[in-house]
Amino acid sequence: MSLPSGRILGIHTKGVVPDRASAKALLEKAGDTVIVRRGRLRWLVMLCPSGCGDEIAINLDTRVGPAWRLYQSKAGLTLFPSVWRETGCKSHFVIWNGKIWWFDADFPLDFTDEERALEDRVLGLLANSNRPVNYVDVADTLSEVPWSVLVAFRRLAKIGRVREVDRERGVFELS
């Protein structure tokens, strides 16, 4: 199967249900997503956005092992970290602000005023640290979505305010 390259898809949130069987019944097409909540977040269930037809169940419950973080905002659902399928179609994608970004797609580097304010907060934290920082740690400190902080850092790197010292781990320092 040929995976989409550089393509960005909208995510289709179909609702919140109490169990995975109910979630499965709502999935119809690639990118359809259902949240399973039974007292607390349990799963994000979706049809693989590659179009392979596989159902993907993503653990959101830290009590049962490693779990993804789910953020909900007016921009849409965000999931962290990325989803990297090691079987089936082997797709690798990010869910951020209600969109599915294939791992080889470039995140947008043009920001709104609100996102520019995030850049200032990121720079302030970096200036006070006096050492290289990881974007996830910064996101946690600022109570922000990690993908948004990564993009803020990459935009700041593009204009020369910071430099990425370890791209694989997302580590940045002041220029």
C-alpha atoms as a PDB file:
ATOM      1  CA  MET A   1       0.000   0.000   0.000  1.00  0.00           C
ATOM      2  CA  SER A   2       1.275   3.465  -0.834  1.00  0.00           C
ATOM      3  CA  LEU A   3       1.014   5.762   2.180  1.00  0.00           C
ATOM      4  CA  PRO A   4      -0.021   9.372   1.778  1.00  0.00           C
ATOM      5  CA  SER A   5       2.999  11.658   1.697  1.00  0.00           C
ATOM      6  CA  GLY A   6       2.879  15.264   2.818  1.00  0.00           C
ATOM      7  CA  ARG A   7      -0.912  15.048   2.934  1.00  0.00           C
ATOM      8  CA  ILE A   8      -2.971  16.523   5.742  1.00  0.00           C
ATOM      9  CA  LEU A   9      -6.406  15.097   6.550  1.00  0.00           C
ATOM     10  CA  GLY A  10      -9.165  16.337   8.798  1.00  0.00           C
ATOM     11  CA  ILE A  11     -10.039  14.119  11.719  1.00  0.00           C
ATOM     12  CA  HIS A  12     -13.688  13.143  12.071  1.00  0.00           C
ATOM     13  CA  THR A  13     -14.679  12.942  15.732  1.00  0.00           C
ATOM     14  CA  LYS A  14     -17.784  10.777  15.907  1.00  0.00           C
ATOM     15  CA  GLY A  15     -18.481  11.080  19.631  1.00  0.00           C
ATOM     16  CA  VAL A  16     -17.761   9.815  23.124  1.00  0.00           C
ATOM     17  CA  VAL A  17     -18.930   6.336  24.140  1.00  0.00           C
ATOM     18  CA  PRO A  18     -18.528   4.083  27.208  1.00  0.00           C
ATOM     19  CA  ASP A  19     -16.851   1.084  25.525  1.00  0.00           C
ATOM     20  CA  ARG A  20     -14.834  -0.040  22.505  1.00  0.00           C
ATOM     21  CA  ALA A  21     -17.679  -2.037  20.976  1.00  0.00           C
ATOM     22  CA  SER A  22     -19.800   1.124  20.827  1.00  0.00           C
ATOM     23  CA  ALA A  23     -16.833   2.989  19.326  1.00  0.00           C
ATOM     24  CA  LYS A  24     -16.341   0.392  16.602  1.00  0.00           C
ATOM     25  CA  ALA A  25     -19.977   0.761  15.537  1.00  0.00           C
ATOM     26  CA  LEU A  26     -19.407   4.477  14.789  1.00  0.00           C
ATOM     27  CA  LEU A  27     -16.320   4.053  12.599  1.00  0.00           C
ATOM     28  CA  GLU A  28     -17.072   4.288   8.882  1.00  0.00           C
ATOM     29  CA  LYS A  29     -14.178   5.864   6.980  1.00  0.00           C
ATOM     30  CA  ALA A  30     -10.460   6.608   7.297  1.00  0.00           C
ATOM     31  CA  GLY A  31      -9.813   9.217   9.977  1.00  0.00           C
ATOM     32  CA  ASP A  32     -13.062   8.582  11.886  1.00  0.00           C
ATOM     33  CA  THR A  33     -12.301   8.803  15.602  1.00  0.00           C
ATOM     34  CA  VAL A  34     -14.248   7.975  18.755  1.00  0.00           C
ATOM     35  CA  ILE A  35     -13.297   8.655  22.374  1.00  0.00           C
ATOM     36  CA  VAL A  36     -14.000   5.928  24.911  1.00  0.00           C
ATOM     37  CA  ARG A  37     -14.663   7.406  28.338  1.00  0.00           C
ATOM     38  CA  ARG A  38     -15.853   5.325  31.244  1.00  0.00           C
ATOM     39  CA  GLY A  39     -15.400   7.582  34.262  1.00  0.00           C
ATOM     40  CA  ARG A  40     -12.093   8.690  32.775  1.00  0.00           C
ATOM     41  CA  LEU A  41     -10.463   8.673  29.357  1.00  0.00           C
ATOM     42  CA  ARG A  42      -9.756   5.091  28.264  1.00  0.00           C
ATOM     43  CA  TRP A  43      -9.180   4.895  24.495  1.00  0.00           C
ATOM     44  CA  LEU A  44      -9.069   6.838  21.284  1.00  0.00           C
ATOM     45  CA  VAL A  45     -10.371   4.427  18.643  1.00  0.00           C
ATOM     46  CA  MET A  46     -10.010   5.282  14.972  1.00  0.00           C
ATOM     47  CA  LEU A  47      -9.937   3.861  11.487  1.00  0.00           C
ATOM     48  CA  CYS A  48      -6.404   4.181  10.190  1.00  0.00           C
ATOM     49  CA  PRO A  49      -6.128   7.359   8.129  1.00  0.00           C
ATOM     50  CA  SER A  50      -3.993   5.554   5.534  1.00  0.00           C
ATOM     51  CA  GLY A  51      -7.143   3.934   4.185  1.00  0.00           C
ATOM     52  CA  CYS A  52      -5.944   0.398   4.981  1.00  0.00           C
ATOM     53  CA  GLY A  53      -9.163  -0.204   6.960  1.00  0.00           C
ATOM     54  CA  ASP A  54      -7.500  -1.216  10.230  1.00  0.00           C
ATOM     55  CA  GLU A  55      -9.002  -0.127  13.516  1.00  0.00           C
ATOM     56  CA  ILE A  56      -6.450   1.516  15.811  1.00  0.00           C
ATOM     57  CA  ALA A  57      -7.038   1.589  19.573  1.00  0.00           C
ATOM     58  CA  ILE A  58      -4.821   4.127  21.343  1.00  0.00           C
ATOM     59  CA  ASN A  59      -4.505   3.836  25.122  1.00  0.00           C
ATOM     60  CA  LEU A  60      -5.284   7.061  27.052  1.00  0.00           C
ATOM     61  CA  ASP A  61      -5.362   5.489  30.538  1.00  0.00           C
ATOM     62  CA  THR A  62      -2.030   5.776  32.383  1.00  0.00           C
ATOM     63  CA  ARG A  63      -3.185   3.201  34.951  1.00  0.00           C
ATOM     64  CA  VAL A  64      -2.828   0.357  32.430  1.00  0.00           C
ATOM     65  CA  GLY A  65       0.575   1.187  30.966  1.00  0.00           C
ATOM     66  CA  PRO A  66       2.164   3.720  28.662  1.00  0.00           C
ATOM     67  CA  ALA A  67      -0.495   6.121  27.426  1.00  0.00           C
ATOM     68  CA  TRP A  68      -0.877   8.903  24.912  1.00  0.00           C
ATOM     69  CA  ARG A  69      -2.030  12.341  26.010  1.00  0.00           C
ATOM     70  CA  LEU A  70      -5.275  13.666  24.557  1.00  0.00           C
ATOM     71  CA  TYR A  71      -5.856  17.421  24.386  1.00  0.00           C
ATOM     72  CA  GLN A  72      -9.180  18.937  23.392  1.00  0.00           C
ATOM     73  CA  SER A  73      -9.527  22.557  22.288  1.00  0.00           C
ATOM     74  CA  LYS A  74     -11.610  24.695  19.967  1.00  0.00           C
ATOM     75  CA  ALA A  75      -9.101  23.813  17.220  1.00  0.00           C
ATOM     76  CA  GLY A  76      -9.900  20.109  17.653  1.00  0.00           C
ATOM     77  CA  LEU A  77      -8.330  16.990  19.111  1.00  0.00           C
ATOM     78  CA  THR A  78      -4.599  16.665  19.619  1.00  0.00           C
ATOM     79  CA  LEU A  79      -2.806  13.439  20.523  1.00  0.00           C
ATOM     80  CA  PHE A  80       0.752  13.181  21.820  1.00  0.00           C
ATOM     81  CA  PRO A  81       3.051  11.508  20.912  1.00  0.00           C
ATOM     82  CA  SER A  82       2.703  10.498  17.281  1.00  0.00           C
ATOM     83  CA  VAL A  83       1.096   7.228  16.185  1.00  0.00           C
ATOM     84  CA  TRP A  84       3.583   4.903  14.555  1.00  0.00           C
ATOM     85  CA  ARG A  85       2.128   1.602  13.409  1.00  0.00           C
ATOM     86  CA  GLU A  86       4.692  -1.180  13.492  1.00  0.00           C
ATOM     87  CA  THR A  87       2.346  -3.637  11.765  1.00  0.00           C
ATOM     88  CA  GLY A  88      -0.171  -3.437   8.943  1.00  0.00           C
ATOM     89  CA  CYS A  89       0.365  -0.387   6.743  1.00  0.00           C
ATOM     90  CA  LYS A  90       3.168   0.932   9.022  1.00  0.00           C
ATOM     91  CA  SER A  91       1.853   4.489   8.815  1.00  0.00           C
ATOM     92  CA  HIS A  92       3.296   7.222  11.033  1.00  0.00           C
ATOM     93  CA  PHE A  93       1.220  10.313  11.768  1.00  0.00           C
ATOM     94  CA  VAL A  94       0.472  13.109  14.200  1.00  0.00           C
ATOM     95  CA  ILE A  95      -2.986  14.242  15.313  1.00  0.00           C
ATOM     96  CA  TRP A  96      -2.817  17.956  16.047  1.00  0.00           C
ATOM     97  CA  ASN A  97      -5.598  20.556  16.227  1.00  0.00           C
ATOM     98  CA  GLY A  98      -8.150  18.311  14.550  1.00  0.00           C
ATOM     99  CA  LYS A  99      -5.906  17.313  11.648  1.00  0.00           C
ATOM    100  CA  ILE A 100      -3.887  14.251  10.779  1.00  0.00           C
ATOM    101  CA  TRP A 101      -0.379  15.151   9.628  1.00  0.00           C
ATOM    102  CA  TRP A 102       1.685  12.427   7.984  1.00  0.00           C
ATOM    103  CA  PHE A 103       5.052  12.322   9.638  1.00  0.00           C
ATOM    104  CA  ASP A 104       6.786  13.618   6.532  1.00  0.00           C
ATOM    105  CA  ALA A 105       4.448  16.638   6.269  1.00  0.00           C
ATOM    106  CA  ASP A 106       5.767  19.981   7.465  1.00  0.00           C
ATOM    107  CA  PHE A 107       3.905  21.592  10.345  1.00  0.00           C
ATOM    108  CA  PRO A 108       2.821  25.139   9.560  1.00  0.00           C
ATOM    109  CA  LEU A 109       5.273  27.789  10.668  1.00  0.00           C
ATOM    110  CA  ASP A 110       2.899  30.737  10.240  1.00  0.00           C
ATOM    111  CA  PHE A 111       1.238  31.537  13.555  1.00  0.00           C
ATOM    112  CA  THR A 112      -1.707  33.448  14.941  1.00  0.00           C
ATOM    113  CA  ASP A 113      -1.174  36.199  17.534  1.00  0.00           C
ATOM    114  CA  GLU A 114      -2.000  33.684  20.269  1.00  0.00           C
ATOM    115  CA  GLU A 115       0.659  31.314  18.981  1.00  0.00           C
ATOM    116  CA  ARG A 116       3.195  34.154  18.745  1.00  0.00           C
ATOM    117  CA  ALA A 117       2.581  34.792  22.450  1.00  0.00           C
ATOM    118  CA  LEU A 118       3.567  31.148  23.009  1.00  0.00           C
ATOM    119  CA  GLU A 119       6.895  31.880  21.320  1.00  0.00           C
ATOM    120  CA  ASP A 120       7.539  34.640  23.875  1.00  0.00           C
ATOM    121  CA  ARG A 121       6.737  32.279  26.738  1.00  0.00           C
ATOM    122  CA  VAL A 122       9.023  29.603  25.258  1.00  0.00           C
ATOM    123  CA  LEU A 123      11.865  32.115  24.885  1.00  0.00           C
ATOM    124  CA  GLY A 124      11.360  33.341  28.447  1.00  0.00           C
ATOM    125  CA  LEU A 125      11.584  29.836  29.839  1.00  0.00           C
ATOM    126  CA  LEU A 126      14.628  29.047  27.711  1.00  0.00           C
ATOM    127  CA  ALA A 127      16.383  32.262  28.807  1.00  0.00           C
ATOM    128  CA  ASN A 128      15.884  31.308  32.464  1.00  0.00           C
ATOM    129  CA  SER A 129      17.123  27.732  32.066  1.00  0.00           C
ATOM    130  CA  ASN A 130      20.721  28.487  30.964  1.00  0.00           C
ATOM    131  CA  ARG A 131      20.882  25.040  29.349  1.00  0.00           C
ATOM    132  CA  PRO A 132      19.374  23.199  26.380  1.00  0.00           C
ATOM    133  CA  VAL A 133      15.756  22.118  26.890  1.00  0.00           C
ATOM    134  CA  ASN A 134      13.469  19.495  25.415  1.00  0.00           C
ATOM    135  CA  TYR A 135      10.247  20.772  23.855  1.00  0.00           C
ATOM    136  CA  VAL A 136       8.101  18.241  25.774  1.00  0.00           C
ATOM    137  CA  ASP A 137       9.501  19.416  29.112  1.00  0.00           C
ATOM    138  CA  VAL A 138       8.809  23.020  28.108  1.00  0.00           C
ATOM    139  CA  ALA A 139       5.255  22.104  27.058  1.00  0.00           C
ATOM    140  CA  ASP A 140       4.654  20.428  30.420  1.00  0.00           C
ATOM    141  CA  THR A 141       6.039  23.431  32.313  1.00  0.00           C
ATOM    142  CA  LEU A 142       3.872  25.851  30.309  1.00  0.00           C
ATOM    143  CA  SER A 143       0.783  23.546  30.290  1.00  0.00           C
ATOM    144  CA  GLU A 144       0.753  23.618  26.495  1.00  0.00           C
ATOM    145  CA  VAL A 145       0.356  21.034  23.743  1.00  0.00           C
ATOM    146  CA  PRO A 146       3.796  19.607  22.889  1.00  0.00           C
ATOM    147  CA  TRP A 147       3.259  19.922  19.104  1.00  0.00           C
ATOM    148  CA  SER A 148       2.504  23.650  19.494  1.00  0.00           C
ATOM    149  CA  VAL A 149       5.678  24.161  21.545  1.00  0.00           C
ATOM    150  CA  LEU A 150       7.743  22.221  18.984  1.00  0.00           C
ATOM    151  CA  VAL A 151       6.423  24.426  16.193  1.00  0.00           C
ATOM    152  CA  ALA A 152       7.147  27.544  18.283  1.00  0.00           C
ATOM    153  CA  PHE A 153      10.737  26.356  18.740  1.00  0.00           C
ATOM    154  CA  ARG A 154      11.116  25.520  15.037  1.00  0.00           C
ATOM    155  CA  ARG A 155       9.778  28.936  14.047  1.00  0.00           C
ATOM    156  CA  LEU A 156      12.193  30.595  16.478  1.00  0.00           C
ATOM    157  CA  ALA A 157      15.010  28.508  14.986  1.00  0.00           C
ATOM    158  CA  LYS A 158      14.013  29.600  11.489  1.00  0.00           C
ATOM    159  CA  ILE A 159      14.442  33.261  12.445  1.00  0.00           C
ATOM    160  CA  GLY A 160      17.673  32.609  14.356  1.00  0.00           C
ATOM    161  CA  ARG A 161      16.507  33.137  17.950  1.00  0.00           C
ATOM    162  CA  VAL A 162      17.194  29.521  19.021  1.00  0.00           C
ATOM    163  CA  ARG A 163      19.010  26.565  17.593  1.00  0.00           C
ATOM    164  CA  GLU A 164      18.037  22.910  17.628  1.00  0.00           C
ATOM    165  CA  VAL A 165      20.928  20.963  19.128  1.00  0.00           C
ATOM    166  CA  ASP A 166      19.308  17.511  18.853  1.00  0.00           C
ATOM    167  CA  ARG A 167      16.589  17.243  16.185  1.00  0.00           C
ATOM    168  CA  GLU A 168      15.809  13.618  16.976  1.00  0.00           C
ATOM    169  CA  ARG A 169      14.947  14.502  20.595  1.00  0.00           C
ATOM    170  CA  GLY A 170      13.699  18.058  20.040  1.00  0.00           C
ATOM    171  CA  VAL A 171      16.303  19.793  22.192  1.00  0.00           C
ATOM    172  CA  PHE A 172      16.823  23.551  21.795  1.00  0.00           C
ATOM    173  CA  GLU A 173      19.046  26.313  23.164  1.00  0.00           C
ATOM    174  CA  LEU A 174      19.376  30.053  22.680  1.00  0.00           C
ATOM    175  CA  SER A 175      21.358  31.101  19.614  1.00  0.00           C
END
